[in-house]
């Protein structure tokens, strides 16, 4: 619990003019703090620029400040996401209480100066295409496993920690981090509104995917299955176009890292798609992604035929298979209310 006083102000650090899932969640938190919990909250944009509000977030209609506007007082609270650019603000204030919100584990490490890993991972992608093998032994998973997180300078500066998924909460606690509170998110309202248009009987034999999620492995699946299935990549589309495709498709596949509780699988599921994912990150946790294990696969070449067989089964037996995702869809429908309840329980006005 984070105590909020009558004169408390809450500042939520957010990169200016950026529109992704993370910044949207930061705006959602400020809106809920102000309108539902009656706490004086602001988005703190960085860096200081003219017109920092991305057009996607004008609808949230929340006030914003910059670093110089923050009142460095013990009554106030500063919340920063885990990326290094935001965490730098943990070191710029002395009195304010500081909260580090882990929206992802991978991004905490990748956003820092692990230059060798970044270079090696980039070179690996090139070398795999040319030589079909890895050349470098350093990988992010090994760094995460061996890193002494509790001694990290940013971790030491924070008073409280929030976890966007149960998988992240478990990871932090296993690393010896205390005061970890669960605070997740909810998908964009447009996807929830679009559920009124879902017609299970008019769905088409279409498989959709995000080519940026586990791109190398997904491309192998698409390459091998394209003779039998119609694949549509969800790229270079507006949100309306994504919704349109999800309303007609039956299957969504995602073999990314799932460093946090990703939105695309939830957006696909709520619009009537069977979801097939890789056993990575939050997808491993049944509380974050409550779908039957038969729809989760290790991301290795020997499983490609099994994945294609599962896709085929879902397409041919859609009305039966879609029932396997009832619990998942119910969870997604209730996420906004759970978020509001969790915010109320975490930020207690005294």
Protein backbone atom coordinates (compact mmCIF):
# COMPACT_ATOMS: atom_id res chain seq x y z
CA UNK A 1 0.00 0.00 0.00
CA UNK A 2 1.21 3.50 -0.90
CA UNK A 3 -0.12 6.16 1.45
CA UNK A 4 -1.69 9.18 -0.18
CA UNK A 5 -2.31 12.34 1.84
CA UNK A 6 -4.86 15.08 1.22
CA UNK A 7 -2.21 17.27 -0.37
CA UNK A 8 -0.37 14.49 -2.25
CA UNK A 9 0.42 14.72 -5.93
CA UNK A 10 1.25 11.68 -8.08
CA UNK A 11 3.49 12.07 -11.12
CA UNK A 12 3.74 9.33 -13.75
CA UNK A 13 6.81 9.54 -15.99
CA UNK A 14 6.12 8.94 -19.69
CA UNK A 15 8.14 9.49 -22.89
CA UNK A 16 6.76 12.41 -24.87
CA UNK A 17 5.12 11.91 -28.27
CA UNK A 18 5.37 8.09 -28.09
CA UNK A 19 2.40 5.77 -28.71
CA UNK A 20 2.81 2.13 -27.66
CA UNK A 21 1.17 -0.12 -25.11
CA UNK A 22 3.36 1.14 -22.26
CA UNK A 23 2.68 4.87 -22.62
CA UNK A 24 -1.02 4.18 -23.06
CA UNK A 25 -1.07 2.33 -19.75
CA UNK A 26 0.69 5.24 -18.05
CA UNK A 27 -2.06 7.57 -19.30
CA UNK A 28 -4.74 5.13 -18.19
CA UNK A 29 -3.29 5.11 -14.67
CA UNK A 30 -3.34 8.90 -14.42
CA UNK A 31 -6.93 9.01 -15.64
CA UNK A 32 -8.07 6.38 -13.11
CA UNK A 33 -6.17 8.08 -10.26
CA UNK A 34 -7.85 11.39 -11.03
CA UNK A 35 -11.38 10.36 -11.95
CA UNK A 36 -11.95 7.23 -9.88
CA UNK A 37 -9.73 7.63 -6.82
CA UNK A 38 -9.82 11.45 -6.70
CA UNK A 39 -6.05 11.83 -6.46
CA UNK A 40 -4.25 14.80 -8.00
CA UNK A 41 -2.20 13.01 -10.66
CA UNK A 42 -0.20 14.14 -13.68
CA UNK A 43 1.68 12.68 -16.60
CA UNK A 44 5.31 13.83 -16.34
CA UNK A 45 6.54 13.95 -19.92
CA UNK A 46 10.19 13.71 -20.81
CA UNK A 47 12.13 15.23 -22.41
CA UNK A 48 10.73 18.74 -22.18
CA UNK A 49 9.35 19.54 -25.63
CA UNK A 50 6.54 21.58 -27.13
CA UNK A 51 3.24 19.75 -27.55
CA UNK A 52 4.34 16.45 -25.89
CA UNK A 53 0.94 14.71 -26.05
CA UNK A 54 0.66 12.09 -28.78
CA UNK A 55 -2.56 12.35 -30.79
CA UNK A 56 -3.54 8.84 -29.58
CA UNK A 57 -3.72 10.08 -25.99
CA UNK A 58 -5.56 13.39 -26.36
CA UNK A 59 -8.74 11.43 -25.58
CA UNK A 60 -7.54 10.74 -22.03
CA UNK A 61 -7.65 14.47 -21.31
CA UNK A 62 -5.20 14.32 -18.40
CA UNK A 63 -2.95 17.21 -17.29
CA UNK A 64 0.79 16.98 -17.71
CA UNK A 65 3.97 18.51 -16.28
CA UNK A 66 7.69 18.38 -16.96
CA UNK A 67 10.57 17.59 -14.61
CA UNK A 68 10.90 21.19 -13.38
CA UNK A 69 7.24 21.23 -12.35
CA UNK A 70 7.53 18.24 -10.00
CA UNK A 71 7.24 19.12 -6.31
CA UNK A 72 9.96 17.14 -4.53
CA UNK A 73 8.03 16.48 -1.34
CA UNK A 74 7.67 13.41 0.91
CA UNK A 75 3.89 13.64 0.49
CA UNK A 76 4.18 13.17 -3.26
CA UNK A 77 4.78 10.09 -5.39
CA UNK A 78 6.77 9.59 -8.60
CA UNK A 79 6.01 6.51 -10.71
CA UNK A 80 8.40 5.50 -13.49
CA UNK A 81 8.28 2.57 -15.96
CA UNK A 82 11.27 0.22 -16.05
CA UNK A 83 13.06 1.61 -19.11
CA UNK A 84 16.36 3.34 -18.33
CA UNK A 85 15.33 6.76 -19.71
CA UNK A 86 12.48 6.89 -17.21
CA UNK A 87 14.46 5.37 -14.33
CA UNK A 88 16.98 8.19 -14.58
CA UNK A 89 14.36 10.37 -12.87
CA UNK A 90 14.61 8.21 -9.75
CA UNK A 91 17.98 9.89 -9.19
CA UNK A 92 16.86 13.49 -9.82
CA UNK A 93 14.71 13.92 -6.71
CA UNK A 94 15.53 13.50 -3.02
CA UNK A 95 12.31 13.61 -0.97
CA UNK A 96 9.54 12.31 -3.21
CA UNK A 97 8.53 8.67 -2.76
CA UNK A 98 9.51 6.62 -5.80
CA UNK A 99 7.72 3.73 -7.48
CA UNK A 100 9.29 1.57 -10.20
CA UNK A 101 6.65 -0.06 -12.39
CA UNK A 102 7.89 -3.13 -14.28
CA UNK A 103 5.81 -3.33 -17.45
CA UNK A 104 8.38 -5.77 -18.83
CA UNK A 105 11.46 -7.66 -17.66
CA UNK A 106 13.26 -7.73 -21.01
CA UNK A 107 12.97 -3.98 -21.55
CA UNK A 108 14.53 -3.26 -18.16
CA UNK A 109 17.71 -4.93 -19.37
CA UNK A 110 17.61 -4.05 -23.06
CA UNK A 111 17.13 -0.34 -22.35
CA UNK A 112 20.31 -0.23 -20.30
CA UNK A 113 23.90 -0.04 -21.47
CA UNK A 114 24.41 -3.74 -22.11
CA UNK A 115 26.05 -2.78 -25.39
CA UNK A 116 27.73 -6.14 -26.00
CA UNK A 117 24.42 -7.98 -25.75
CA UNK A 118 22.67 -5.56 -28.11
CA UNK A 119 25.44 -5.80 -30.70
CA UNK A 120 25.70 -9.57 -30.39
CA UNK A 121 21.94 -10.08 -30.68
CA UNK A 122 21.84 -7.89 -33.79
CA UNK A 123 24.81 -9.67 -35.37
CA UNK A 124 23.30 -13.02 -34.49
CA UNK A 125 20.19 -12.23 -36.53
CA UNK A 126 22.38 -11.45 -39.55
CA UNK A 127 24.67 -14.46 -39.09
CA UNK A 128 21.75 -16.84 -38.63
CA UNK A 129 20.46 -15.84 -42.04
CA UNK A 130 23.87 -16.25 -43.67
CA UNK A 131 25.43 -19.17 -41.78
CA UNK A 132 22.32 -20.69 -40.17
CA UNK A 133 23.97 -20.79 -36.75
CA UNK A 134 24.72 -18.70 -33.64
CA UNK A 135 28.14 -17.12 -33.32
CA UNK A 136 27.82 -15.47 -29.93
CA UNK A 137 27.27 -17.07 -26.55
CA UNK A 138 26.02 -13.97 -24.73
CA UNK A 139 22.24 -13.77 -24.59
CA UNK A 140 19.67 -11.76 -22.71
CA UNK A 141 18.23 -14.75 -20.89
CA UNK A 142 21.60 -15.59 -19.37
CA UNK A 143 22.18 -11.99 -18.30
CA UNK A 144 18.75 -11.81 -16.67
CA UNK A 145 19.34 -15.07 -14.84
CA UNK A 146 22.75 -14.05 -13.47
CA UNK A 147 22.15 -10.35 -12.82
CA UNK A 148 22.21 -9.22 -9.18
CA UNK A 149 19.06 -7.14 -9.48
CA UNK A 150 18.83 -6.15 -5.83
CA UNK A 151 22.12 -4.23 -6.17
CA UNK A 152 21.03 -2.32 -9.25
CA UNK A 153 21.27 1.48 -8.65
CA UNK A 154 17.73 2.11 -9.92
CA UNK A 155 16.30 -0.65 -7.75
CA UNK A 156 18.01 0.87 -4.70
CA UNK A 157 16.42 4.25 -5.40
CA UNK A 158 12.84 2.93 -5.51
CA UNK A 159 10.62 2.65 -2.43
CA UNK A 160 7.93 0.51 -4.03
CA UNK A 161 7.63 -1.78 -7.03
CA UNK A 162 4.67 -2.54 -9.28
CA UNK A 163 4.46 -5.59 -11.54
CA UNK A 164 2.33 -5.59 -14.70
CA UNK A 165 2.01 -9.39 -14.66
CA UNK A 166 2.11 -12.24 -12.17
CA UNK A 167 5.15 -13.60 -14.00
CA UNK A 168 7.01 -10.32 -13.42
CA UNK A 169 5.94 -10.22 -9.76
CA UNK A 170 7.23 -13.75 -9.27
CA UNK A 171 10.52 -12.88 -11.00
CA UNK A 172 11.13 -9.80 -8.84
CA UNK A 173 10.33 -11.60 -5.61
CA UNK A 174 12.63 -14.47 -6.56
CA UNK A 175 15.38 -11.87 -7.04
CA UNK A 176 14.87 -10.68 -3.47
CA UNK A 177 12.84 -7.54 -4.25
CA UNK A 178 10.33 -6.61 -1.56
CA UNK A 179 7.25 -4.34 -1.64
CA UNK A 180 6.15 -5.73 -5.03
CA UNK A 181 2.50 -4.93 -5.76
CA UNK A 182 0.52 -6.31 -8.70
CA UNK A 183 -0.90 -3.69 -11.06
CA UNK A 184 -1.62 -4.85 -14.59
CA UNK A 185 -3.53 -3.10 -17.37
CA UNK A 186 -6.50 -3.39 -19.73
CA UNK A 187 -6.81 -3.30 -23.50
CA UNK A 188 -7.90 -0.28 -25.50
CA UNK A 189 -11.61 0.48 -25.24
CA UNK A 190 -12.10 0.19 -29.01
CA UNK A 191 -11.46 -3.56 -28.88
CA UNK A 192 -14.01 -4.00 -26.09
CA UNK A 193 -16.60 -1.99 -28.01
CA UNK A 194 -15.92 -4.12 -31.10
CA UNK A 195 -16.95 -7.27 -29.21
CA UNK A 196 -20.53 -6.30 -30.09
CA UNK A 197 -19.65 -7.09 -33.72
CA UNK A 198 -18.20 -10.55 -33.08
CA UNK A 199 -20.13 -13.14 -35.08
CA UNK A 200 -18.72 -16.60 -34.44
CA UNK A 201 -20.71 -18.18 -37.27
CA UNK A 202 -19.39 -15.80 -39.95
CA UNK A 203 -15.70 -16.19 -39.14
CA UNK A 204 -13.35 -17.02 -42.01
CA UNK A 205 -10.52 -19.57 -42.20
CA UNK A 206 -7.91 -16.89 -41.65
CA UNK A 207 -4.83 -16.94 -39.41
CA UNK A 208 -3.48 -13.59 -38.24
CA UNK A 209 -0.11 -12.81 -36.70
CA UNK A 210 2.19 -9.95 -35.75
CA UNK A 211 5.39 -10.40 -37.79
CA UNK A 212 7.37 -8.47 -35.15
CA UNK A 213 6.55 -11.04 -32.47
CA UNK A 214 9.01 -13.94 -32.70
CA UNK A 215 9.59 -12.98 -36.31
CA UNK A 216 12.14 -15.66 -37.20
CA UNK A 217 10.11 -18.57 -35.85
CA UNK A 218 6.77 -17.23 -37.09
CA UNK A 219 8.18 -16.81 -40.60
CA UNK A 220 9.06 -20.52 -40.64
CA UNK A 221 5.50 -21.41 -39.64
CA UNK A 222 4.02 -19.12 -42.31
CA UNK A 223 6.42 -20.38 -44.95
CA UNK A 224 5.54 -24.01 -44.30
CA UNK A 225 1.81 -23.47 -43.85
CA UNK A 226 0.99 -20.90 -46.53
CA UNK A 227 -0.10 -23.54 -49.05
CA UNK A 228 -2.84 -24.72 -46.73
CA UNK A 229 -3.76 -21.61 -44.75
CA UNK A 230 -4.42 -17.94 -45.39
CA UNK A 231 -2.08 -15.89 -43.18
CA UNK A 232 -2.55 -12.14 -42.68
CA UNK A 233 0.22 -10.13 -40.98
CA UNK A 234 -1.08 -7.41 -38.67
CA UNK A 235 1.34 -4.72 -39.75
CA UNK A 236 1.11 -1.21 -41.22
CA UNK A 237 -2.53 -1.07 -40.15
CA UNK A 238 -4.65 1.41 -38.24
CA UNK A 239 -6.37 0.16 -35.10
CA UNK A 240 -9.64 -0.01 -37.04
CA UNK A 241 -8.01 -2.20 -39.68
CA UNK A 242 -6.56 -4.51 -37.01
CA UNK A 243 -10.02 -4.83 -35.45
CA UNK A 244 -11.56 -5.54 -38.86
CA UNK A 245 -9.12 -8.39 -39.46
CA UNK A 246 -9.51 -9.83 -35.96
CA UNK A 247 -13.28 -9.85 -36.36
CA UNK A 248 -13.06 -12.11 -39.42
CA UNK A 249 -10.12 -14.37 -38.43
CA UNK A 250 -10.34 -17.56 -36.40
CA UNK A 251 -6.76 -17.99 -35.19
CA UNK A 252 -4.07 -15.68 -33.86
CA UNK A 253 -0.49 -16.94 -33.43
CA UNK A 254 2.19 -15.25 -31.34
CA UNK A 255 5.67 -16.63 -30.70
CA UNK A 256 7.23 -13.50 -29.22
CA UNK A 257 8.97 -13.24 -25.86
CA UNK A 258 5.91 -12.04 -23.89
CA UNK A 259 8.11 -9.90 -21.60
CA UNK A 260 4.95 -8.47 -20.03
CA UNK A 261 1.29 -9.35 -20.30
CA UNK A 262 1.06 -8.47 -24.00
CA UNK A 263 -2.01 -6.81 -25.43
CA UNK A 264 -2.16 -8.36 -28.95
CA UNK A 265 -3.14 -11.88 -27.75
CA UNK A 266 -5.87 -10.38 -25.56
CA UNK A 267 -7.12 -8.16 -28.38
CA UNK A 268 -7.30 -11.21 -30.64
CA UNK A 269 -9.00 -13.42 -28.05
CA UNK A 270 -11.66 -10.88 -27.12
CA UNK A 271 -12.62 -10.61 -30.80
CA UNK A 272 -13.17 -14.35 -31.11
CA UNK A 273 -9.80 -15.82 -32.03
CA UNK A 274 -8.23 -19.04 -30.85
CA UNK A 275 -4.79 -18.02 -29.53
CA UNK A 276 -1.69 -20.15 -30.14
CA UNK A 277 1.50 -18.95 -28.44
CA UNK A 278 5.07 -19.86 -27.61
CA UNK A 279 6.02 -20.98 -24.12
CA UNK A 280 7.85 -17.80 -23.20
CA UNK A 281 7.55 -15.09 -20.57
CA UNK A 282 4.07 -14.37 -19.27
CA UNK A 283 2.54 -16.93 -21.65
CA UNK A 284 4.00 -19.57 -19.32
CA UNK A 285 1.94 -18.29 -16.42
CA UNK A 286 -1.63 -19.62 -16.30
CA UNK A 287 -2.79 -16.59 -14.28
CA UNK A 288 -1.52 -14.16 -16.92
CA UNK A 289 -2.73 -16.27 -19.85
CA UNK A 290 -5.38 -18.80 -18.75
CA UNK A 291 -5.63 -20.90 -21.90
CA UNK A 292 -5.22 -24.69 -22.19
CA UNK A 293 -1.64 -25.90 -22.44
CA UNK A 294 -2.36 -27.58 -25.79
CA UNK A 295 -2.27 -24.10 -27.35
CA UNK A 296 1.21 -23.33 -25.98
CA UNK A 297 4.36 -24.61 -27.70
CA UNK A 298 8.11 -24.52 -27.24
CA UNK A 299 9.58 -22.39 -30.01
CA UNK A 300 11.67 -24.98 -31.80
CA UNK A 301 11.65 -26.39 -35.30
CA UNK A 302 10.42 -29.84 -34.29
CA UNK A 303 7.12 -28.33 -33.10
CA UNK A 304 6.21 -26.58 -36.36
CA UNK A 305 4.16 -29.51 -37.66
CA UNK A 306 2.31 -29.75 -34.33
CA UNK A 307 1.59 -26.02 -34.44
CA UNK A 308 0.26 -26.28 -38.00
CA UNK A 309 -1.88 -29.26 -37.00
CA UNK A 310 -3.31 -27.24 -34.11
CA UNK A 311 -4.03 -24.31 -36.43
CA UNK A 312 -5.83 -26.68 -38.79
CA UNK A 313 -7.84 -28.23 -35.95
CA UNK A 314 -8.91 -24.78 -34.73
CA UNK A 315 -10.02 -23.77 -38.22
CA UNK A 316 -11.91 -26.98 -38.87
CA UNK A 317 -13.42 -27.23 -35.38
CA UNK A 318 -13.70 -23.55 -34.55
CA UNK A 319 -17.04 -23.64 -32.73
CA UNK A 320 -15.67 -26.30 -30.38
CA UNK A 321 -12.19 -24.81 -29.92
CA UNK A 322 -13.30 -21.25 -29.26
CA UNK A 323 -14.96 -22.45 -26.05
CA UNK A 324 -11.49 -23.24 -24.70
CA UNK A 325 -10.92 -19.48 -24.53
CA UNK A 326 -14.05 -18.57 -22.56
CA UNK A 327 -12.10 -18.09 -19.32
CA UNK A 328 -9.47 -15.97 -21.06
CA UNK A 329 -12.09 -13.74 -22.68
CA UNK A 330 -13.92 -13.34 -19.37
CA UNK A 331 -10.67 -12.28 -17.68
CA UNK A 332 -10.01 -9.71 -20.44
CA UNK A 333 -13.53 -8.28 -20.13
CA UNK A 334 -13.03 -7.74 -16.40
CA UNK A 335 -9.51 -6.30 -16.55
CA UNK A 336 -10.52 -2.65 -16.46
CA UNK A 337 -12.58 -3.09 -13.30
CA UNK A 338 -9.80 -5.14 -11.71
CA UNK A 339 -7.32 -2.39 -12.62
CA UNK A 340 -9.54 0.21 -10.95
CA UNK A 341 -9.94 -1.95 -7.83
CA UNK A 342 -6.19 -2.61 -7.64
CA UNK A 343 -5.41 1.11 -7.99
CA UNK A 344 -7.81 1.86 -5.13
CA UNK A 345 -6.17 -0.79 -2.95
CA UNK A 346 -2.60 0.31 -3.74
CA UNK A 347 -3.02 4.09 -3.43
CA UNK A 348 -4.75 4.53 -0.09
CA UNK A 349 -5.91 8.00 0.90
CA UNK A 350 -5.40 8.55 4.64
